[in-house]
Amino acid sequence: MGFEFPILSDPDREVAESLQVRRQPPHPLAAFPRRVTYLIDPEGIVAESYDVGRNIKGHAEEVLGHLRARNG
């Protein structure tokens, strides 16, 4: 199975730190970054960001809706 887009892994948490999604101690989930999705345009600019939080159920449809709107 392949994806038509790049997938990022961040084991050293450098990207999480640079995007300010890393939780800081004493937060009980400090070992885990917040779940955030970024919509990046063809020029590499962040067009939208979505803090998934507890909106897991509606998250994909929200992002797809924005993609559809952007692509007409």
Protein backbone atom coordinates (compact mmCIF):
# COMPACT_ATOMS: atom_id res chain seq x y z
CA MET A 1 0.00 0.00 0.00
CA GLY A 2 1.42 3.37 -0.96
CA PHE A 3 0.40 6.93 -0.25
CA GLU A 4 0.28 9.73 -2.79
CA PHE A 5 1.75 12.14 -0.23
CA PRO A 6 4.68 12.11 2.18
CA ILE A 7 4.23 10.84 5.73
CA LEU A 8 6.32 12.30 8.55
CA SER A 9 7.73 10.41 11.51
CA ASP A 10 9.16 12.48 14.37
CA PRO A 11 10.86 10.14 16.87
CA ASP A 12 13.10 12.92 18.21
CA ARG A 13 10.15 15.31 18.53
CA GLU A 14 12.04 18.07 16.71
CA VAL A 15 9.17 18.79 14.33
CA ALA A 16 6.62 18.74 17.17
CA GLU A 17 8.75 21.29 19.00
CA SER A 18 9.11 23.54 15.94
CA LEU A 19 5.35 23.41 15.24
CA GLN A 20 4.55 24.04 18.91
CA VAL A 21 2.45 20.88 19.34
CA ARG A 22 4.60 19.29 22.02
CA ARG A 23 2.99 19.02 25.42
CA GLN A 24 5.20 20.14 28.26
CA PRO A 25 5.58 18.53 31.71
CA PRO A 26 3.77 18.33 34.08
CA HIS A 27 0.96 17.62 31.56
CA PRO A 28 -0.09 13.98 32.11
CA LEU A 29 0.32 13.26 28.37
CA ALA A 30 3.65 15.10 27.99
CA ALA A 31 5.19 12.03 26.35
CA PHE A 32 2.77 12.40 23.44
CA PRO A 33 2.37 15.36 21.05
CA ARG A 34 -1.02 16.88 20.38
CA ARG A 35 -2.69 15.48 17.27
CA VAL A 36 -2.62 18.19 14.63
CA THR A 37 -3.18 17.93 10.89
CA TYR A 38 -1.66 20.47 8.54
CA LEU A 39 -2.90 21.19 5.04
CA ILE A 40 0.15 22.32 3.08
CA ASP A 41 -0.26 23.98 -0.29
CA PRO A 42 1.88 23.17 -3.36
CA GLU A 43 4.29 26.00 -2.43
CA GLY A 44 4.93 24.42 0.98
CA ILE A 45 2.89 26.98 2.94
CA VAL A 46 0.63 25.81 5.76
CA ALA A 47 -2.83 26.66 4.43
CA GLU A 48 -4.86 25.23 7.32
CA SER A 49 -4.18 23.55 10.64
CA TYR A 50 -6.54 21.35 12.60
CA ASP A 51 -6.10 20.50 16.26
CA VAL A 52 -7.75 17.10 16.23
CA GLY A 53 -8.25 16.96 19.98
CA ARG A 54 -11.40 14.97 20.62
CA ASN A 55 -12.92 15.66 17.17
CA ILE A 56 -11.64 12.38 15.75
CA LYS A 57 -15.00 11.38 14.31
CA GLY A 58 -15.54 14.57 12.28
CA HIS A 59 -11.90 15.39 11.59
CA ALA A 60 -11.44 13.66 8.24
CA GLU A 61 -14.63 15.12 6.80
CA GLU A 62 -13.65 18.62 7.93
CA VAL A 63 -10.26 18.36 6.20
CA LEU A 64 -11.77 16.81 3.06
CA GLY A 65 -14.35 19.60 2.96
CA HIS A 66 -11.59 22.22 2.96
CA LEU A 67 -9.70 20.32 0.27
CA ARG A 68 -12.81 20.19 -1.91
CA ALA A 69 -13.44 23.90 -1.40
CA ARG A 70 -9.84 24.79 -2.29
CA ASN A 71 -9.82 22.62 -5.40
CA GLY A 72 -13.23 23.78 -6.61
